[in-house]
Amino acid sequence: MPRQYSTDGKQTLLGISKRRNRYLRKLLVHGARSCFRHLDRTRDRLASWLDARQARMHPNKALVALAAKMARTCGWS
């Protein structure tokens, strides 16, 4: 689901595409929303990454970025 575009050793990880399984994408976004609300922001490394994202972009966009990160972690492509 998350696309990867790599040239010259530089990796660019793109977002979640809408062309595949919509139900699985919806589950990933809902799971990311749950993590977004209930993550312990003082101790977790993922929480610090999420705080940095949220400072730079709209919360919904940061939420989809977290869903894409979760999709890459579980190996769904």
PDB file of N, CA and C in Angstrom:
ATOM      1  N   MET A   1       0.799  -1.185   0.000  1.00  0.00           N
ATOM      2  CA  MET A   1       0.000   0.000   0.000  1.00  0.00           C
ATOM      3  C   MET A   1       0.854   1.266   0.000  1.00  0.00           C
ATOM      4  N   PRO A   2       1.798   1.457   0.934  1.00  0.00           N
ATOM      5  CA  PRO A   2       2.650   2.638   0.799  1.00  0.00           C
ATOM      6  C   PRO A   2       3.678   2.405  -0.299  1.00  0.00           C
ATOM      7  N   ARG A   3       3.792   3.358  -1.210  1.00  0.00           N
ATOM      8  CA  ARG A   3       4.729   3.217  -2.313  1.00  0.00           C
ATOM      9  C   ARG A   3       6.094   3.728  -1.920  1.00  0.00           C
ATOM     10  N   GLN A   4       7.105   3.171  -2.563  1.00  0.00           N
ATOM     11  CA  GLN A   4       8.473   3.605  -2.335  1.00  0.00           C
ATOM     12  C   GLN A   4       9.064   4.016  -3.666  1.00  0.00           C
ATOM     13  N   TYR A   5       9.708   5.161  -3.689  1.00  0.00           N
ATOM     14  CA  TYR A   5      10.352   5.669  -4.890  1.00  0.00           C
ATOM     15  C   TYR A   5      11.807   5.926  -4.533  1.00  0.00           C
ATOM     16  N   SER A   6      12.725   5.157  -5.128  1.00  0.00           N
ATOM     17  CA  SER A   6      14.131   5.245  -4.736  1.00  0.00           C
ATOM     18  C   SER A   6      15.016   5.439  -5.957  1.00  0.00           C
ATOM     19  N   THR A   7      15.887   6.432  -5.884  1.00  0.00           N
ATOM     20  CA  THR A   7      16.917   6.632  -6.896  1.00  0.00           C
ATOM     21  C   THR A   7      18.190   7.097  -6.200  1.00  0.00           C
ATOM     22  N   ASP A   8      19.328   6.687  -6.726  1.00  0.00           N
ATOM     23  CA  ASP A   8      20.636   7.129  -6.234  1.00  0.00           C
ATOM     24  C   ASP A   8      20.829   6.915  -4.739  1.00  0.00           C
ATOM     25  N   GLY A   9      20.246   5.872  -4.198  1.00  0.00           N
ATOM     26  CA  GLY A   9      20.411   5.585  -2.785  1.00  0.00           C
ATOM     27  C   GLY A   9      19.559   6.437  -1.867  1.00  0.00           C
ATOM     28  N   LYS A  10      18.772   7.354  -2.435  1.00  0.00           N
ATOM     29  CA  LYS A  10      17.896   8.195  -1.620  1.00  0.00           C
ATOM     30  C   LYS A  10      16.484   7.628  -1.701  1.00  0.00           C
ATOM     31  N   GLN A  11      15.917   7.303  -0.559  1.00  0.00           N
ATOM     32  CA  GLN A  11      14.592   6.706  -0.529  1.00  0.00           C
ATOM     33  C   GLN A  11      13.545   7.760  -0.224  1.00  0.00           C
ATOM     34  N   THR A  12      12.450   7.711  -0.961  1.00  0.00           N
ATOM     35  CA  THR A  12      11.295   8.555  -0.692  1.00  0.00           C
ATOM     36  C   THR A  12      10.115   7.629  -0.472  1.00  0.00           C
ATOM     37  N   LEU A  13       9.568   7.661   0.729  1.00  0.00           N
ATOM     38  CA  LEU A  13       8.428   6.816   1.042  1.00  0.00           C
ATOM     39  C   LEU A  13       7.163   7.631   0.857  1.00  0.00           C
ATOM     40  N   LEU A  14       6.313   7.168  -0.029  1.00  0.00           N
ATOM     41  CA  LEU A  14       5.098   7.899  -0.356  1.00  0.00           C
ATOM     42  C   LEU A  14       3.951   7.446   0.538  1.00  0.00           C
ATOM     43  N   GLY A  15       2.801   8.033   0.381  1.00  0.00           N
ATOM     44  CA  GLY A  15       1.654   7.766   1.237  1.00  0.00           C
ATOM     45  C   GLY A  15       0.920   6.490   0.868  1.00  0.00           C
ATOM     46  N   ILE A  16      -0.225   6.302   1.486  1.00  0.00           N
ATOM     47  CA  ILE A  16      -1.051   5.128   1.248  1.00  0.00           C
ATOM     48  C   ILE A  16      -1.902   5.384   0.013  1.00  0.00           C
ATOM     49  N   SER A  17      -1.870   4.473  -0.950  1.00  0.00           N
ATOM     50  CA  SER A  17      -2.680   4.646  -2.148  1.00  0.00           C
ATOM     51  C   SER A  17      -4.116   4.217  -1.871  1.00  0.00           C
ATOM     52  N   LYS A  18      -5.029   4.746  -2.643  1.00  0.00           N
ATOM     53  CA  LYS A  18      -6.447   4.419  -2.472  1.00  0.00           C
ATOM     54  C   LYS A  18      -6.906   3.354  -3.466  1.00  0.00           C
ATOM     55  N   ARG A  19      -5.980   2.721  -4.162  1.00  0.00           N
ATOM     56  CA  ARG A  19      -6.358   1.826  -5.245  1.00  0.00           C
ATOM     57  C   ARG A  19      -6.510   0.383  -4.818  1.00  0.00           C
ATOM     58  N   ARG A  20      -6.050   0.039  -3.638  1.00  0.00           N
ATOM     59  CA  ARG A  20      -6.118  -1.351  -3.208  1.00  0.00           C
ATOM     60  C   ARG A  20      -7.290  -1.576  -2.280  1.00  0.00           C
ATOM     61  N   ASN A  21      -7.098  -2.431  -1.307  1.00  0.00           N
ATOM     62  CA  ASN A  21      -8.150  -2.846  -0.406  1.00  0.00           C
ATOM     63  C   ASN A  21      -8.598  -1.687   0.486  1.00  0.00           C
ATOM     64  N   ARG A  22      -9.796  -1.175   0.231  1.00  0.00           N
ATOM     65  CA  ARG A  22     -10.286  -0.021   0.971  1.00  0.00           C
ATOM     66  C   ARG A  22     -10.574  -0.369   2.426  1.00  0.00           C
ATOM     67  N   TYR A  23     -11.033  -1.586   2.667  1.00  0.00           N
ATOM     68  CA  TYR A  23     -11.356  -1.991   4.029  1.00  0.00           C
ATOM     69  C   TYR A  23     -10.102  -2.062   4.894  1.00  0.00           C
ATOM     70  N   LEU A  24      -9.035  -2.624   4.350  1.00  0.00           N
ATOM     71  CA  LEU A  24      -7.789  -2.716   5.100  1.00  0.00           C
ATOM     72  C   LEU A  24      -7.190  -1.332   5.340  1.00  0.00           C
ATOM     73  N   ARG A  25      -7.309  -0.449   4.359  1.00  0.00           N
ATOM     74  CA  ARG A  25      -6.844   0.927   4.522  1.00  0.00           C
ATOM     75  C   ARG A  25      -7.634   1.617   5.627  1.00  0.00           C
ATOM     76  N   LYS A  26      -8.938   1.391   5.662  1.00  0.00           N
ATOM     77  CA  LYS A  26      -9.776   1.991   6.689  1.00  0.00           C
ATOM     78  C   LYS A  26      -9.388   1.484   8.077  1.00  0.00           C
ATOM     79  N   LEU A  27      -9.089   0.185   8.173  1.00  0.00           N
ATOM     80  CA  LEU A  27      -8.672  -0.375   9.454  1.00  0.00           C
ATOM     81  C   LEU A  27      -7.339   0.219   9.918  1.00  0.00           C
ATOM     82  N   LEU A  28      -6.414   0.425   8.991  1.00  0.00           N
ATOM     83  CA  LEU A  28      -5.134   1.027   9.347  1.00  0.00           C
ATOM     84  C   LEU A  28      -5.314   2.464   9.837  1.00  0.00           C
ATOM     85  N   VAL A  29      -6.182   3.215   9.183  1.00  0.00           N
ATOM     86  CA  VAL A  29      -6.406   4.597   9.591  1.00  0.00           C
ATOM     87  C   VAL A  29      -7.082   4.645  10.955  1.00  0.00           C
ATOM     88  N   HIS A  30      -8.048   3.752  11.197  1.00  0.00           N
ATOM     89  CA  HIS A  30      -8.703   3.724  12.505  1.00  0.00           C
ATOM     90  C   HIS A  30      -7.733   3.292  13.607  1.00  0.00           C
ATOM     91  N   GLY A  31      -6.868   2.345  13.307  1.00  0.00           N
ATOM     92  CA  GLY A  31      -5.851   1.948  14.270  1.00  0.00           C
ATOM     93  C   GLY A  31      -4.876   3.074  14.561  1.00  0.00           C
ATOM     94  N   ALA A  32      -4.501   3.827  13.525  1.00  0.00           N
ATOM     95  CA  ALA A  32      -3.615   4.965  13.712  1.00  0.00           C
ATOM     96  C   ALA A  32      -4.310   6.046  14.537  1.00  0.00           C
ATOM     97  N   ARG A  33      -5.610   6.225  14.326  1.00  0.00           N
ATOM     98  CA  ARG A  33      -6.353   7.204  15.115  1.00  0.00           C
ATOM     99  C   ARG A  33      -6.359   6.825  16.592  1.00  0.00           C
ATOM    100  N   SER A  34      -6.489   5.531  16.863  1.00  0.00           N
ATOM    101  CA  SER A  34      -6.463   5.066  18.241  1.00  0.00           C
ATOM    102  C   SER A  34      -5.087   5.296  18.866  1.00  0.00           C
ATOM    103  N   CYS A  35      -4.026   5.002  18.125  1.00  0.00           N
ATOM    104  CA  CYS A  35      -2.666   5.261  18.618  1.00  0.00           C
ATOM    105  C   CYS A  35      -2.447   6.753  18.827  1.00  0.00           C
ATOM    106  N   PHE A  36      -2.988   7.544  17.933  1.00  0.00           N
ATOM    107  CA  PHE A  36      -2.842   8.989  17.985  1.00  0.00           C
ATOM    108  C   PHE A  36      -3.420   9.544  19.280  1.00  0.00           C
ATOM    109  N   ARG A  37      -4.521   8.973  19.739  1.00  0.00           N
ATOM    110  CA  ARG A  37      -5.196   9.472  20.935  1.00  0.00           C
ATOM    111  C   ARG A  37      -4.632   8.884  22.227  1.00  0.00           C
ATOM    112  N   HIS A  38      -4.200   7.633  22.204  1.00  0.00           N
ATOM    113  CA  HIS A  38      -3.878   6.936  23.442  1.00  0.00           C
ATOM    114  C   HIS A  38      -2.402   6.633  23.640  1.00  0.00           C
ATOM    115  N   LEU A  39      -1.536   7.161  22.796  1.00  0.00           N
ATOM    116  CA  LEU A  39      -0.114   6.889  22.911  1.00  0.00           C
ATOM    117  C   LEU A  39       0.484   7.702  24.050  1.00  0.00           C
ATOM    118  N   ASP A  40       1.330   7.080  24.856  1.00  0.00           N
ATOM    119  CA  ASP A  40       2.022   7.788  25.931  1.00  0.00           C
ATOM    120  C   ASP A  40       3.121   8.642  25.308  1.00  0.00           C
ATOM    121  N   ARG A  41       2.906   9.922  25.262  1.00  0.00           N
ATOM    122  CA  ARG A  41       3.773  10.823  24.512  1.00  0.00           C
ATOM    123  C   ARG A  41       5.079  11.156  25.227  1.00  0.00           C
ATOM    124  N   THR A  42       5.283  10.667  26.426  1.00  0.00           N
ATOM    125  CA  THR A  42       6.503  11.017  27.157  1.00  0.00           C
ATOM    126  C   THR A  42       7.594   9.968  26.999  1.00  0.00           C
ATOM    127  N   ARG A  43       7.228   8.727  26.748  1.00  0.00           N
ATOM    128  CA  ARG A  43       8.227   7.653  26.758  1.00  0.00           C
ATOM    129  C   ARG A  43       8.458   6.983  25.409  1.00  0.00           C
ATOM    130  N   ASP A  44       7.524   7.052  24.521  1.00  0.00           N
ATOM    131  CA  ASP A  44       7.584   6.241  23.303  1.00  0.00           C
ATOM    132  C   ASP A  44       8.304   6.986  22.178  1.00  0.00           C
ATOM    133  N   ARG A  45       9.143   6.269  21.426  1.00  0.00           N
ATOM    134  CA  ARG A  45       9.865   6.867  20.301  1.00  0.00           C
ATOM    135  C   ARG A  45       8.906   7.199  19.163  1.00  0.00           C
ATOM    136  N   LEU A  46       7.888   6.360  18.970  1.00  0.00           N
ATOM    137  CA  LEU A  46       6.882   6.627  17.950  1.00  0.00           C
ATOM    138  C   LEU A  46       6.105   7.894  18.286  1.00  0.00           C
ATOM    139  N   ALA A  47       5.888   8.136  19.579  1.00  0.00           N
ATOM    140  CA  ALA A  47       5.157   9.331  19.997  1.00  0.00           C
ATOM    141  C   ALA A  47       5.942  10.595  19.683  1.00  0.00           C
ATOM    142  N   SER A  48       7.237  10.557  19.855  1.00  0.00           N
ATOM    143  CA  SER A  48       8.039  11.739  19.526  1.00  0.00           C
ATOM    144  C   SER A  48       8.046  11.985  18.016  1.00  0.00           C
ATOM    145  N   TRP A  49       8.066  10.919  17.226  1.00  0.00           N
ATOM    146  CA  TRP A  49       7.971  11.057  15.772  1.00  0.00           C
ATOM    147  C   TRP A  49       6.621  11.666  15.401  1.00  0.00           C
ATOM    148  N   LEU A  50       5.568  11.205  16.080  1.00  0.00           N
ATOM    149  CA  LEU A  50       4.225  11.694  15.790  1.00  0.00           C
ATOM    150  C   LEU A  50       4.054  13.149  16.217  1.00  0.00           C
ATOM    151  N   ASP A  51       4.645  13.533  17.326  1.00  0.00           N
ATOM    152  CA  ASP A  51       4.592  14.926  17.762  1.00  0.00           C
ATOM    153  C   ASP A  51       5.274  15.844  16.756  1.00  0.00           C
ATOM    154  N   ALA A  52       6.396  15.388  16.216  1.00  0.00           N
ATOM    155  CA  ALA A  52       7.095  16.196  15.206  1.00  0.00           C
ATOM    156  C   ALA A  52       6.251  16.341  13.947  1.00  0.00           C
ATOM    157  N   ARG A  53       5.583  15.267  13.546  1.00  0.00           N
ATOM    158  CA  ARG A  53       4.695  15.339  12.380  1.00  0.00           C
ATOM    159  C   ARG A  53       3.528  16.282  12.622  1.00  0.00           C
ATOM    160  N   GLN A  54       2.949  16.176  13.805  1.00  0.00           N
ATOM    161  CA  GLN A  54       1.775  16.981  14.113  1.00  0.00           C
ATOM    162  C   GLN A  54       2.132  18.468  14.187  1.00  0.00           C
ATOM    163  N   ALA A  55       3.349  18.780  14.585  1.00  0.00           N
ATOM    164  CA  ALA A  55       3.774  20.175  14.633  1.00  0.00           C
ATOM    165  C   ALA A  55       3.911  20.766  13.237  1.00  0.00           C
ATOM    166  N   ARG A  56       4.205  19.915  12.241  1.00  0.00           N
ATOM    167  CA  ARG A  56       4.433  20.405  10.884  1.00  0.00           C
ATOM    168  C   ARG A  56       3.211  20.383   9.991  1.00  0.00           C
ATOM    169  N   MET A  57       2.227  19.520  10.299  1.00  0.00           N
ATOM    170  CA  MET A  57       1.115  19.352   9.369  1.00  0.00           C
ATOM    171  C   MET A  57      -0.210  19.203  10.110  1.00  0.00           C
ATOM    172  N   HIS A  58      -1.276  19.170   9.361  1.00  0.00           N
ATOM    173  CA  HIS A  58      -2.623  19.009   9.908  1.00  0.00           C
ATOM    174  C   HIS A  58      -2.715  17.654  10.616  1.00  0.00           C
ATOM    175  N   PRO A  59      -3.460  17.566  11.722  1.00  0.00           N
ATOM    176  CA  PRO A  59      -3.546  16.297  12.457  1.00  0.00           C
ATOM    177  C   PRO A  59      -4.049  15.118  11.620  1.00  0.00           C
ATOM    178  N   ASN A  60      -4.978  15.358  10.707  1.00  0.00           N
ATOM    179  CA  ASN A  60      -5.473  14.252   9.874  1.00  0.00           C
ATOM    180  C   ASN A  60      -4.386  13.745   8.929  1.00  0.00           C
ATOM    181  N   LYS A  61      -3.578  14.643   8.440  1.00  0.00           N
ATOM    182  CA  LYS A  61      -2.487  14.247   7.546  1.00  0.00           C
ATOM    183  C   LYS A  61      -1.418  13.497   8.328  1.00  0.00           C
ATOM    184  N   ALA A  62      -1.151  13.923   9.557  1.00  0.00           N
ATOM    185  CA  ALA A  62      -0.207  13.212  10.416  1.00  0.00           C
ATOM    186  C   ALA A  62      -0.745  11.824  10.755  1.00  0.00           C
ATOM    187  N   LEU A  63      -2.050  11.719  10.892  1.00  0.00           N
ATOM    188  CA  LEU A  63      -2.689  10.440  11.188  1.00  0.00           C
ATOM    189  C   LEU A  63      -2.504   9.455  10.029  1.00  0.00           C
ATOM    190  N   VAL A  64      -2.672   9.931   8.805  1.00  0.00           N
ATOM    191  CA  VAL A  64      -2.480   9.064   7.633  1.00  0.00           C
ATOM    192  C   VAL A  64      -1.011   8.703   7.472  1.00  0.00           C
ATOM    193  N   ALA A  65      -0.105   9.613   7.851  1.00  0.00           N
ATOM    194  CA  ALA A  65       1.325   9.289   7.824  1.00  0.00           C
ATOM    195  C   ALA A  65       1.636   8.172   8.816  1.00  0.00           C
ATOM    196  N   LEU A  66       0.985   8.209   9.974  1.00  0.00           N
ATOM    197  CA  LEU A  66       1.165   7.138  10.953  1.00  0.00           C
ATOM    198  C   LEU A  66       0.604   5.826  10.426  1.00  0.00           C
ATOM    199  N   ALA A  67      -0.536   5.883   9.720  1.00  0.00           N
ATOM    200  CA  ALA A  67      -1.112   4.671   9.133  1.00  0.00           C
ATOM    201  C   ALA A  67      -0.183   4.087   8.075  1.00  0.00           C
ATOM    202  N   ALA A  68       0.449   4.943   7.274  1.00  0.00           N
ATOM    203  CA  ALA A  68       1.398   4.468   6.263  1.00  0.00           C
ATOM    204  C   ALA A  68       2.615   3.845   6.926  1.00  0.00           C
ATOM    205  N   LYS A  69       3.054   4.441   8.035  1.00  0.00           N
ATOM    206  CA  LYS A  69       4.193   3.883   8.768  1.00  0.00           C
ATOM    207  C   LYS A  69       3.823   2.525   9.351  1.00  0.00           C
ATOM    208  N   MET A  70       2.615   2.395   9.857  1.00  0.00           N
ATOM    209  CA  MET A  70       2.148   1.115  10.388  1.00  0.00           C
ATOM    210  C   MET A  70       2.058   0.073   9.275  1.00  0.00           C
ATOM    211  N   ALA A  71       1.625   0.481   8.083  1.00  0.00           N
ATOM    212  CA  ALA A  71       1.526  -0.446   6.955  1.00  0.00           C
ATOM    213  C   ALA A  71       2.910  -0.937   6.536  1.00  0.00           C
ATOM    214  N   ARG A  72       3.902  -0.049   6.539  1.00  0.00           N
ATOM    215  CA  ARG A  72       5.262  -0.455   6.207  1.00  0.00           C
ATOM    216  C   ARG A  72       5.835  -1.377   7.272  1.00  0.00           C
ATOM    217  N   THR A  73       5.499  -1.106   8.536  1.00  0.00           N
ATOM    218  CA  THR A  73       6.012  -1.940   9.630  1.00  0.00           C
ATOM    219  C   THR A  73       5.486  -3.358   9.546  1.00  0.00           C
ATOM    220  N   CYS A  74       4.209  -3.511   9.207  1.00  0.00           N
ATOM    221  CA  CYS A  74       3.632  -4.851   9.147  1.00  0.00           C
ATOM    222  C   CYS A  74       3.941  -5.543   7.812  1.00  0.00           C
ATOM    223  N   GLY A  75       4.593  -4.840   6.886  1.00  0.00           N
ATOM    224  CA  GLY A  75       5.022  -5.459   5.635  1.00  0.00           C
ATOM    225  C   GLY A  75       3.951  -5.525   4.573  1.00  0.00           C
ATOM    226  N   TRP A  76       2.941  -4.677   4.681  1.00  0.00           N
ATOM    227  CA  TRP A  76       1.872  -4.676   3.697  1.00  0.00           C
ATOM    228  C   TRP A  76       2.248  -3.743   2.567  1.00  0.00           C
ATOM    229  N   SER A  77       2.327  -4.277   1.362  1.00  0.00           N
ATOM    230  CA  SER A  77       2.711  -3.425   0.239  1.00  0.00           C
ATOM    231  C   SER A  77       1.865  -3.687  -0.971  1.00  0.00           C
TER     232      SER A  77
END
